[in-house]
Amino acid sequence: MNILQKIRLQKTLKKLNTIYDTINCGGCGYFAKELGNVLKTKGYEVKYVLLLSNEDEVDYANKCINKNQINILNGLSWAHVMVNVEDKLIDVEGLFDVKYDEKKKVYLRTKGYSKYYGITLPETLLHTWLTPQYDKNWNPTFDRKIVPKMRKELQKSLVG
């Protein structure tokens, strides 16, 4: 990602985070999906990352992901969904350098005093998790009606 694209992305993220302050209150998965779709149209390789707050759950979470066990996965300490592009973890709050622990096979993310352990979340599983059947798994504070508005803003800022 060149410097101009990073600047445009950071401006867009800041704008969206200001206008829609509940994106990270139940909308992180929706945001990751929309951002990932737009970045893929720009030719970027996109991965989705599920952050867990409990390191002891990493192996079990990976097993749940491999078996598409969304309901069991939802009961674990997952806290957030982000996009990984070019060694940057991205959410509506910005771009963050990725620290990857090769031995443990996890992305490490520190926010404040908390440490999170990120595992790869397959796109197909994320899309399934975002269907109405699993609405109860997400924080209801986020208003899903803003998803088309987020998409439009991302497309306008990053594709156009």
N, C-alpha and C. Protein backbone atom coordinates (compact mmCIF):
# COMPACT_ATOMS: atom_id res chain seq x y z
N MET A 1 0.87 -1.16 0.00
CA MET A 1 0.00 0.00 0.00
C MET A 1 0.91 1.22 0.00
N ASN A 2 0.74 2.07 -0.99
CA ASN A 2 1.60 3.25 -1.04
C ASN A 2 1.12 4.30 -0.02
N ILE A 3 1.94 5.30 0.17
CA ILE A 3 1.68 6.30 1.22
C ILE A 3 0.37 7.05 0.98
N LEU A 4 0.05 7.36 -0.28
CA LEU A 4 -1.19 8.06 -0.59
C LEU A 4 -2.40 7.20 -0.23
N GLN A 5 -2.33 5.92 -0.55
CA GLN A 5 -3.43 5.02 -0.21
C GLN A 5 -3.59 4.89 1.32
N LYS A 6 -2.47 4.83 2.03
CA LYS A 6 -2.53 4.76 3.50
C LYS A 6 -3.18 6.01 4.07
N ILE A 7 -2.81 7.16 3.53
CA ILE A 7 -3.38 8.43 4.02
C ILE A 7 -4.88 8.47 3.75
N ARG A 8 -5.29 8.08 2.53
CA ARG A 8 -6.72 8.07 2.20
C ARG A 8 -7.47 7.09 3.10
N LEU A 9 -6.88 5.92 3.35
CA LEU A 9 -7.51 4.93 4.21
C LEU A 9 -7.63 5.46 5.64
N GLN A 10 -6.57 6.05 6.16
CA GLN A 10 -6.61 6.58 7.54
C GLN A 10 -7.65 7.69 7.68
N LYS A 11 -7.77 8.55 6.69
CA LYS A 11 -8.79 9.61 6.72
C LYS A 11 -10.19 9.01 6.70
N THR A 12 -10.37 7.99 5.88
CA THR A 12 -11.68 7.34 5.79
C THR A 12 -12.03 6.66 7.11
N LEU A 13 -11.06 5.96 7.69
CA LEU A 13 -11.29 5.29 8.97
C LEU A 13 -11.67 6.29 10.05
N LYS A 14 -10.95 7.39 10.10
CA LYS A 14 -11.23 8.42 11.11
C LYS A 14 -12.64 8.99 10.92
N LYS A 15 -13.00 9.25 9.67
CA LYS A 15 -14.33 9.79 9.37
C LYS A 15 -15.41 8.80 9.80
N LEU A 16 -15.26 7.53 9.41
CA LEU A 16 -16.26 6.52 9.76
C LEU A 16 -16.36 6.32 11.26
N ASN A 17 -15.23 6.33 11.95
CA ASN A 17 -15.23 6.14 13.40
C ASN A 17 -15.90 7.31 14.11
N THR A 18 -15.80 8.50 13.52
CA THR A 18 -16.44 9.68 14.10
C THR A 18 -17.95 9.67 13.84
N ILE A 19 -18.33 9.37 12.62
CA ILE A 19 -19.75 9.40 12.24
C ILE A 19 -20.52 8.24 12.87
N TYR A 20 -19.92 7.05 12.83
CA TYR A 20 -20.59 5.83 13.31
C TYR A 20 -19.80 5.27 14.49
N ASP A 21 -20.01 5.84 15.65
CA ASP A 21 -19.21 5.49 16.81
C ASP A 21 -19.51 4.12 17.42
N THR A 22 -20.43 3.37 16.83
CA THR A 22 -20.73 2.03 17.37
C THR A 22 -20.14 0.90 16.51
N ILE A 23 -19.32 1.25 15.53
CA ILE A 23 -18.77 0.19 14.67
C ILE A 23 -18.03 -0.84 15.51
N ASN A 24 -17.25 -0.41 16.48
CA ASN A 24 -16.53 -1.37 17.31
C ASN A 24 -17.36 -1.84 18.51
N CYS A 25 -18.64 -1.66 18.44
CA CYS A 25 -19.57 -2.16 19.46
C CYS A 25 -20.54 -3.13 18.80
N GLY A 26 -19.99 -4.16 18.18
CA GLY A 26 -20.82 -5.16 17.52
C GLY A 26 -20.78 -5.09 16.01
N GLY A 27 -20.06 -4.14 15.47
CA GLY A 27 -19.99 -4.00 14.02
C GLY A 27 -18.63 -4.31 13.43
N CYS A 28 -17.69 -4.76 14.25
CA CYS A 28 -16.33 -4.99 13.75
C CYS A 28 -16.29 -6.04 12.64
N GLY A 29 -17.09 -7.09 12.76
CA GLY A 29 -17.12 -8.11 11.73
C GLY A 29 -17.69 -7.58 10.42
N TYR A 30 -18.76 -6.80 10.54
CA TYR A 30 -19.38 -6.19 9.35
C TYR A 30 -18.40 -5.22 8.69
N PHE A 31 -17.73 -4.43 9.52
CA PHE A 31 -16.76 -3.48 8.99
C PHE A 31 -15.61 -4.21 8.30
N ALA A 32 -15.09 -5.26 8.95
CA ALA A 32 -13.98 -6.02 8.36
C ALA A 32 -14.38 -6.59 7.00
N LYS A 33 -15.58 -7.13 6.93
CA LYS A 33 -16.06 -7.71 5.67
C LYS A 33 -16.12 -6.65 4.57
N GLU A 34 -16.69 -5.50 4.88
CA GLU A 34 -16.83 -4.43 3.88
C GLU A 34 -15.47 -3.86 3.48
N LEU A 35 -14.60 -3.63 4.45
CA LEU A 35 -13.26 -3.12 4.15
C LEU A 35 -12.49 -4.14 3.32
N GLY A 36 -12.58 -5.40 3.71
CA GLY A 36 -11.90 -6.45 2.97
C GLY A 36 -12.37 -6.51 1.52
N ASN A 37 -13.66 -6.42 1.31
CA ASN A 37 -14.20 -6.46 -0.06
C ASN A 37 -13.66 -5.31 -0.91
N VAL A 38 -13.61 -4.12 -0.34
CA VAL A 38 -13.12 -2.96 -1.09
C VAL A 38 -11.63 -3.11 -1.37
N LEU A 39 -10.86 -3.54 -0.37
CA LEU A 39 -9.42 -3.69 -0.58
C LEU A 39 -9.10 -4.77 -1.61
N LYS A 40 -9.92 -5.82 -1.65
CA LYS A 40 -9.71 -6.87 -2.66
C LYS A 40 -9.92 -6.32 -4.07
N THR A 41 -10.88 -5.38 -4.23
CA THR A 41 -11.09 -4.79 -5.56
C THR A 41 -9.89 -3.96 -5.99
N LYS A 42 -9.09 -3.53 -5.02
CA LYS A 42 -7.86 -2.78 -5.31
C LYS A 42 -6.67 -3.71 -5.52
N GLY A 43 -6.90 -5.03 -5.41
CA GLY A 43 -5.84 -5.99 -5.68
C GLY A 43 -5.06 -6.46 -4.46
N TYR A 44 -5.50 -6.09 -3.28
CA TYR A 44 -4.79 -6.50 -2.07
C TYR A 44 -5.19 -7.89 -1.61
N GLU A 45 -4.23 -8.60 -1.05
CA GLU A 45 -4.51 -9.88 -0.41
C GLU A 45 -5.03 -9.58 0.99
N VAL A 46 -6.22 -10.02 1.27
CA VAL A 46 -6.89 -9.71 2.53
C VAL A 46 -7.05 -10.97 3.36
N LYS A 47 -6.73 -10.86 4.64
CA LYS A 47 -7.00 -11.93 5.60
C LYS A 47 -7.83 -11.32 6.72
N TYR A 48 -8.64 -12.15 7.33
CA TYR A 48 -9.43 -11.71 8.48
C TYR A 48 -8.83 -12.33 9.73
N VAL A 49 -8.81 -11.56 10.80
CA VAL A 49 -8.20 -12.00 12.05
C VAL A 49 -9.20 -11.86 13.18
N LEU A 50 -9.36 -12.94 13.94
CA LEU A 50 -10.22 -12.95 15.12
C LEU A 50 -9.33 -12.82 16.34
N LEU A 51 -9.57 -11.79 17.15
CA LEU A 51 -8.76 -11.56 18.34
C LEU A 51 -9.42 -12.21 19.56
N LEU A 52 -8.61 -12.93 20.30
CA LEU A 52 -9.03 -13.58 21.54
C LEU A 52 -8.27 -12.94 22.70
N SER A 53 -8.91 -12.81 23.84
CA SER A 53 -8.21 -12.24 24.99
C SER A 53 -7.54 -13.31 25.85
N ASN A 54 -7.86 -14.57 25.62
CA ASN A 54 -7.31 -15.65 26.42
C ASN A 54 -6.42 -16.54 25.54
N GLU A 55 -5.13 -16.50 25.79
CA GLU A 55 -4.17 -17.27 25.00
C GLU A 55 -4.45 -18.78 25.07
N ASP A 56 -4.95 -19.24 26.20
CA ASP A 56 -5.24 -20.67 26.37
C ASP A 56 -6.32 -21.18 25.43
N GLU A 57 -7.10 -20.29 24.84
CA GLU A 57 -8.18 -20.70 23.95
C GLU A 57 -7.79 -20.74 22.47
N VAL A 58 -6.57 -20.35 22.15
CA VAL A 58 -6.15 -20.25 20.75
C VAL A 58 -6.30 -21.58 20.01
N ASP A 59 -5.75 -22.64 20.56
CA ASP A 59 -5.82 -23.95 19.87
C ASP A 59 -7.26 -24.41 19.71
N TYR A 60 -8.04 -24.27 20.76
CA TYR A 60 -9.43 -24.70 20.71
C TYR A 60 -10.22 -23.86 19.69
N ALA A 61 -9.97 -22.56 19.67
CA ALA A 61 -10.64 -21.68 18.70
C ALA A 61 -10.30 -22.09 17.28
N ASN A 62 -9.04 -22.42 17.03
CA ASN A 62 -8.65 -22.88 15.69
C ASN A 62 -9.38 -24.17 15.32
N LYS A 63 -9.55 -25.06 16.28
CA LYS A 63 -10.29 -26.30 16.02
C LYS A 63 -11.75 -25.99 15.69
N CYS A 64 -12.34 -25.06 16.43
CA CYS A 64 -13.73 -24.66 16.15
C CYS A 64 -13.85 -24.06 14.76
N ILE A 65 -12.88 -23.25 14.39
CA ILE A 65 -12.89 -22.64 13.06
C ILE A 65 -12.79 -23.72 11.99
N ASN A 66 -11.88 -24.66 12.18
CA ASN A 66 -11.70 -25.72 11.18
C ASN A 66 -12.95 -26.58 11.02
N LYS A 67 -13.77 -26.66 12.08
CA LYS A 67 -15.00 -27.47 12.03
C LYS A 67 -16.25 -26.62 11.81
N ASN A 68 -16.06 -25.30 11.55
CA ASN A 68 -17.17 -24.36 11.35
C ASN A 68 -18.15 -24.37 12.53
N GLN A 69 -17.64 -24.44 13.74
CA GLN A 69 -18.47 -24.47 14.94
C GLN A 69 -18.62 -23.05 15.50
N ILE A 70 -19.44 -22.27 14.84
CA ILE A 70 -19.60 -20.87 15.21
C ILE A 70 -20.17 -20.73 16.62
N ASN A 71 -21.16 -21.51 16.97
CA ASN A 71 -21.76 -21.37 18.30
C ASN A 71 -20.77 -21.65 19.42
N ILE A 72 -19.90 -22.63 19.23
CA ILE A 72 -18.88 -22.91 20.26
C ILE A 72 -17.85 -21.79 20.26
N LEU A 73 -17.42 -21.37 19.08
CA LEU A 73 -16.46 -20.27 18.95
C LEU A 73 -16.98 -19.02 19.64
N ASN A 74 -18.25 -18.76 19.49
CA ASN A 74 -18.84 -17.57 20.09
C ASN A 74 -18.74 -17.57 21.62
N GLY A 75 -18.69 -18.74 22.23
CA GLY A 75 -18.59 -18.83 23.68
C GLY A 75 -17.19 -18.61 24.23
N LEU A 76 -16.22 -18.44 23.35
CA LEU A 76 -14.84 -18.23 23.79
C LEU A 76 -14.59 -16.74 24.02
N SER A 77 -13.36 -16.40 24.31
CA SER A 77 -13.02 -15.03 24.70
C SER A 77 -12.74 -14.12 23.51
N TRP A 78 -13.40 -14.36 22.39
CA TRP A 78 -13.13 -13.50 21.24
C TRP A 78 -13.61 -12.09 21.54
N ALA A 79 -12.85 -11.13 21.02
CA ALA A 79 -13.12 -9.74 21.37
C ALA A 79 -13.28 -8.83 20.15
N HIS A 80 -12.74 -9.24 19.01
CA HIS A 80 -12.70 -8.29 17.90
C HIS A 80 -12.36 -9.01 16.60
N VAL A 81 -12.77 -8.42 15.48
CA VAL A 81 -12.40 -8.91 14.16
C VAL A 81 -11.70 -7.76 13.43
N MET A 82 -10.57 -8.08 12.80
CA MET A 82 -9.80 -7.08 12.07
C MET A 82 -9.42 -7.63 10.70
N VAL A 83 -8.94 -6.74 9.85
CA VAL A 83 -8.44 -7.10 8.53
C VAL A 83 -6.91 -7.06 8.60
N ASN A 84 -6.27 -8.02 7.95
CA ASN A 84 -4.81 -8.02 7.85
C ASN A 84 -4.46 -7.83 6.38
N VAL A 85 -3.74 -6.75 6.11
CA VAL A 85 -3.25 -6.45 4.76
C VAL A 85 -1.82 -5.96 4.88
N GLU A 86 -0.93 -6.62 4.17
CA GLU A 86 0.48 -6.20 4.12
C GLU A 86 1.06 -5.97 5.52
N ASP A 87 0.87 -6.92 6.39
CA ASP A 87 1.41 -6.85 7.75
C ASP A 87 0.88 -5.66 8.56
N LYS A 88 -0.34 -5.28 8.28
CA LYS A 88 -1.03 -4.26 9.08
C LYS A 88 -2.37 -4.86 9.50
N LEU A 89 -2.70 -4.73 10.76
CA LEU A 89 -4.04 -5.06 11.23
C LEU A 89 -4.84 -3.77 11.13
N ILE A 90 -6.03 -3.86 10.55
CA ILE A 90 -6.82 -2.66 10.30
C ILE A 90 -8.22 -2.84 10.87
N ASP A 91 -8.66 -1.82 11.59
CA ASP A 91 -10.06 -1.71 11.99
C ASP A 91 -10.43 -0.24 11.87
N VAL A 92 -11.58 0.14 12.32
CA VAL A 92 -12.04 1.52 12.14
C VAL A 92 -11.19 2.52 12.92
N GLU A 93 -10.40 2.03 13.87
CA GLU A 93 -9.54 2.93 14.65
C GLU A 93 -8.19 3.19 13.98
N GLY A 94 -7.85 2.44 12.93
CA GLY A 94 -6.62 2.72 12.23
C GLY A 94 -5.87 1.49 11.76
N LEU A 95 -4.61 1.72 11.39
CA LEU A 95 -3.70 0.68 10.92
C LEU A 95 -2.68 0.41 12.01
N PHE A 96 -2.46 -0.87 12.31
CA PHE A 96 -1.56 -1.24 13.39
C PHE A 96 -0.56 -2.26 12.87
N ASP A 97 0.70 -2.11 13.28
CA ASP A 97 1.72 -3.07 12.88
C ASP A 97 1.39 -4.45 13.44
N VAL A 98 1.63 -5.46 12.63
CA VAL A 98 1.38 -6.83 13.03
C VAL A 98 2.64 -7.40 13.66
N LYS A 99 2.44 -8.05 14.78
CA LYS A 99 3.51 -8.84 15.38
C LYS A 99 3.01 -10.27 15.31
N TYR A 100 3.72 -11.09 14.57
CA TYR A 100 3.29 -12.47 14.39
C TYR A 100 4.25 -13.38 15.13
N ASP A 101 3.71 -14.20 16.01
CA ASP A 101 4.49 -15.17 16.77
C ASP A 101 4.50 -16.46 15.96
N GLU A 102 5.60 -16.72 15.29
CA GLU A 102 5.71 -17.88 14.40
C GLU A 102 5.54 -19.19 15.17
N LYS A 103 6.06 -19.24 16.38
CA LYS A 103 5.99 -20.46 17.18
C LYS A 103 4.54 -20.79 17.57
N LYS A 104 3.82 -19.78 18.02
CA LYS A 104 2.44 -19.98 18.47
C LYS A 104 1.42 -19.83 17.34
N LYS A 105 1.87 -19.31 16.19
CA LYS A 105 1.00 -19.08 15.04
C LYS A 105 -0.15 -18.13 15.37
N VAL A 106 0.17 -17.04 16.08
CA VAL A 106 -0.85 -16.05 16.41
C VAL A 106 -0.33 -14.65 16.09
N TYR A 107 -1.27 -13.76 15.78
CA TYR A 107 -0.97 -12.34 15.65
C TYR A 107 -1.12 -11.75 17.05
N LEU A 108 -0.19 -10.92 17.45
CA LEU A 108 -0.27 -10.30 18.76
C LEU A 108 -0.70 -8.85 18.60
N ARG A 109 -1.64 -8.43 19.41
CA ARG A 109 -2.14 -7.06 19.35
C ARG A 109 -2.29 -6.57 20.77
N THR A 110 -1.69 -5.45 21.07
CA THR A 110 -1.80 -4.86 22.40
C THR A 110 -2.63 -3.60 22.28
N LYS A 111 -3.60 -3.46 23.17
CA LYS A 111 -4.43 -2.27 23.20
C LYS A 111 -4.57 -1.87 24.67
N GLY A 112 -4.00 -0.71 24.99
CA GLY A 112 -3.99 -0.32 26.40
C GLY A 112 -3.19 -1.33 27.18
N TYR A 113 -3.79 -1.87 28.22
CA TYR A 113 -3.11 -2.86 29.05
C TYR A 113 -3.44 -4.29 28.64
N SER A 114 -4.27 -4.44 27.64
CA SER A 114 -4.72 -5.77 27.24
C SER A 114 -3.91 -6.31 26.08
N LYS A 115 -3.73 -7.61 26.08
CA LYS A 115 -3.03 -8.29 25.00
C LYS A 115 -4.02 -9.24 24.34
N TYR A 116 -4.04 -9.24 23.02
CA TYR A 116 -4.95 -10.09 22.27
C TYR A 116 -4.16 -11.02 21.37
N TYR A 117 -4.74 -12.18 21.13
CA TYR A 117 -4.11 -13.22 20.33
C TYR A 117 -4.98 -13.43 19.09
N GLY A 118 -4.44 -13.09 17.94
CA GLY A 118 -5.23 -13.14 16.72
C GLY A 118 -4.99 -14.41 15.93
N ILE A 119 -6.08 -14.99 15.49
CA ILE A 119 -6.01 -16.19 14.66
C ILE A 119 -6.73 -15.90 13.34
N THR A 120 -6.32 -16.59 12.31
CA THR A 120 -6.93 -16.38 11.01
C THR A 120 -8.38 -16.86 11.01
N LEU A 121 -9.25 -16.02 10.54
CA LEU A 121 -10.68 -16.32 10.43
C LEU A 121 -11.01 -16.42 8.95
N PRO A 122 -11.34 -17.62 8.46
CA PRO A 122 -11.65 -17.76 7.04
C PRO A 122 -12.81 -16.85 6.62
N GLU A 123 -12.69 -16.29 5.44
CA GLU A 123 -13.71 -15.38 4.93
C GLU A 123 -15.10 -16.03 4.91
N THR A 124 -15.16 -17.29 4.50
CA THR A 124 -16.46 -17.96 4.44
C THR A 124 -17.10 -18.08 5.82
N LEU A 125 -16.28 -18.34 6.83
CA LEU A 125 -16.82 -18.44 8.19
C LEU A 125 -17.31 -17.07 8.68
N LEU A 126 -16.53 -16.02 8.39
CA LEU A 126 -16.96 -14.67 8.76
C LEU A 126 -18.30 -14.34 8.09
N HIS A 127 -18.43 -14.62 6.82
CA HIS A 127 -19.68 -14.32 6.10
C HIS A 127 -20.85 -15.09 6.71
N THR A 128 -20.64 -16.34 7.06
CA THR A 128 -21.70 -17.13 7.70
C THR A 128 -22.05 -16.53 9.06
N TRP A 129 -21.04 -16.14 9.82
CA TRP A 129 -21.24 -15.59 11.16
C TRP A 129 -22.02 -14.28 11.11
N LEU A 130 -21.98 -13.60 9.99
CA LEU A 130 -22.68 -12.32 9.85
C LEU A 130 -24.12 -12.47 9.32
N THR A 131 -24.56 -13.69 9.11
CA THR A 131 -25.94 -13.90 8.66
C THR A 131 -26.91 -13.71 9.82
N PRO A 132 -28.17 -13.40 9.52
CA PRO A 132 -29.16 -13.15 10.59
C PRO A 132 -29.28 -14.28 11.62
N GLN A 133 -28.98 -15.48 11.22
CA GLN A 133 -29.04 -16.62 12.14
C GLN A 133 -28.14 -16.41 13.36
N TYR A 134 -27.05 -15.66 13.20
CA TYR A 134 -26.08 -15.45 14.28
C TYR A 134 -26.10 -14.03 14.84
N ASP A 135 -27.13 -13.25 14.57
CA ASP A 135 -27.21 -11.88 15.08
C ASP A 135 -27.02 -11.82 16.59
N LYS A 136 -27.49 -12.81 17.29
CA LYS A 136 -27.40 -12.80 18.76
C LYS A 136 -25.95 -12.88 19.25
N ASN A 137 -25.03 -13.29 18.37
CA ASN A 137 -23.62 -13.40 18.74
C ASN A 137 -22.90 -12.05 18.76
N TRP A 138 -23.52 -11.03 18.21
CA TRP A 138 -22.88 -9.72 18.09
C TRP A 138 -23.54 -8.73 19.04
N ASN A 139 -22.77 -7.77 19.51
CA ASN A 139 -23.28 -6.72 20.38
C ASN A 139 -24.41 -5.98 19.65
N PRO A 140 -25.60 -5.90 20.25
CA PRO A 140 -26.74 -5.27 19.57
C PRO A 140 -26.65 -3.74 19.50
N THR A 141 -25.64 -3.15 20.11
CA THR A 141 -25.48 -1.69 20.05
C THR A 141 -25.29 -1.22 18.62
N PHE A 142 -24.60 -2.02 17.82
CA PHE A 142 -24.33 -1.65 16.43
C PHE A 142 -25.60 -1.77 15.60
N ASP A 143 -25.92 -0.72 14.86
CA ASP A 143 -27.09 -0.70 14.00
C ASP A 143 -26.70 -1.18 12.60
N ARG A 144 -27.14 -2.36 12.24
CA ARG A 144 -26.77 -2.96 10.96
C ARG A 144 -27.26 -2.16 9.75
N LYS A 145 -28.18 -1.23 9.98
CA LYS A 145 -28.67 -0.40 8.87
C LYS A 145 -27.59 0.51 8.32
N ILE A 146 -26.51 0.72 9.06
CA ILE A 146 -25.45 1.60 8.56
C ILE A 146 -24.45 0.87 7.67
N VAL A 147 -24.55 -0.45 7.55
CA VAL A 147 -23.60 -1.21 6.72
C VAL A 147 -23.55 -0.67 5.29
N PRO A 148 -24.68 -0.44 4.62
CA PRO A 148 -24.59 0.12 3.25
C PRO A 148 -23.92 1.50 3.23
N LYS A 149 -24.11 2.30 4.27
CA LYS A 149 -23.46 3.62 4.33
C LYS A 149 -21.95 3.47 4.50
N MET A 150 -21.53 2.51 5.34
CA MET A 150 -20.09 2.24 5.50
C MET A 150 -19.50 1.80 4.17
N ARG A 151 -20.19 0.89 3.50
CA ARG A 151 -19.72 0.35 2.23
C ARG A 151 -19.55 1.48 1.22
N LYS A 152 -20.56 2.34 1.12
CA LYS A 152 -20.52 3.44 0.16
C LYS A 152 -19.34 4.37 0.44
N GLU A 153 -19.14 4.69 1.71
CA GLU A 153 -18.02 5.59 2.09
C GLU A 153 -16.67 4.94 1.78
N LEU A 154 -16.53 3.65 2.08
CA LEU A 154 -15.28 2.95 1.78
C LEU A 154 -15.03 2.91 0.27
N GLN A 155 -16.06 2.60 -0.49
CA GLN A 155 -15.91 2.55 -1.95
C GLN A 155 -15.55 3.91 -2.52
N LYS A 156 -16.23 4.94 -2.04
CA LYS A 156 -15.99 6.28 -2.54
C LYS A 156 -14.55 6.72 -2.23
N SER A 157 -14.11 6.44 -1.04
CA SER A 157 -12.79 6.90 -0.61
C SER A 157 -11.63 6.07 -1.13
N LEU A 158 -11.86 4.76 -1.25
CA LEU A 158 -10.74 3.88 -1.56
C LEU A 158 -10.73 3.35 -2.99
N VAL A 159 -11.88 3.31 -3.64
CA VAL A 159 -11.93 2.78 -4.99
C VAL A 159 -11.90 3.92 -6.00
N GLY A 160 -12.65 4.96 -5.71
CA GLY A 160 -12.78 6.06 -6.65
C GLY A 160 -11.54 6.87 -6.84
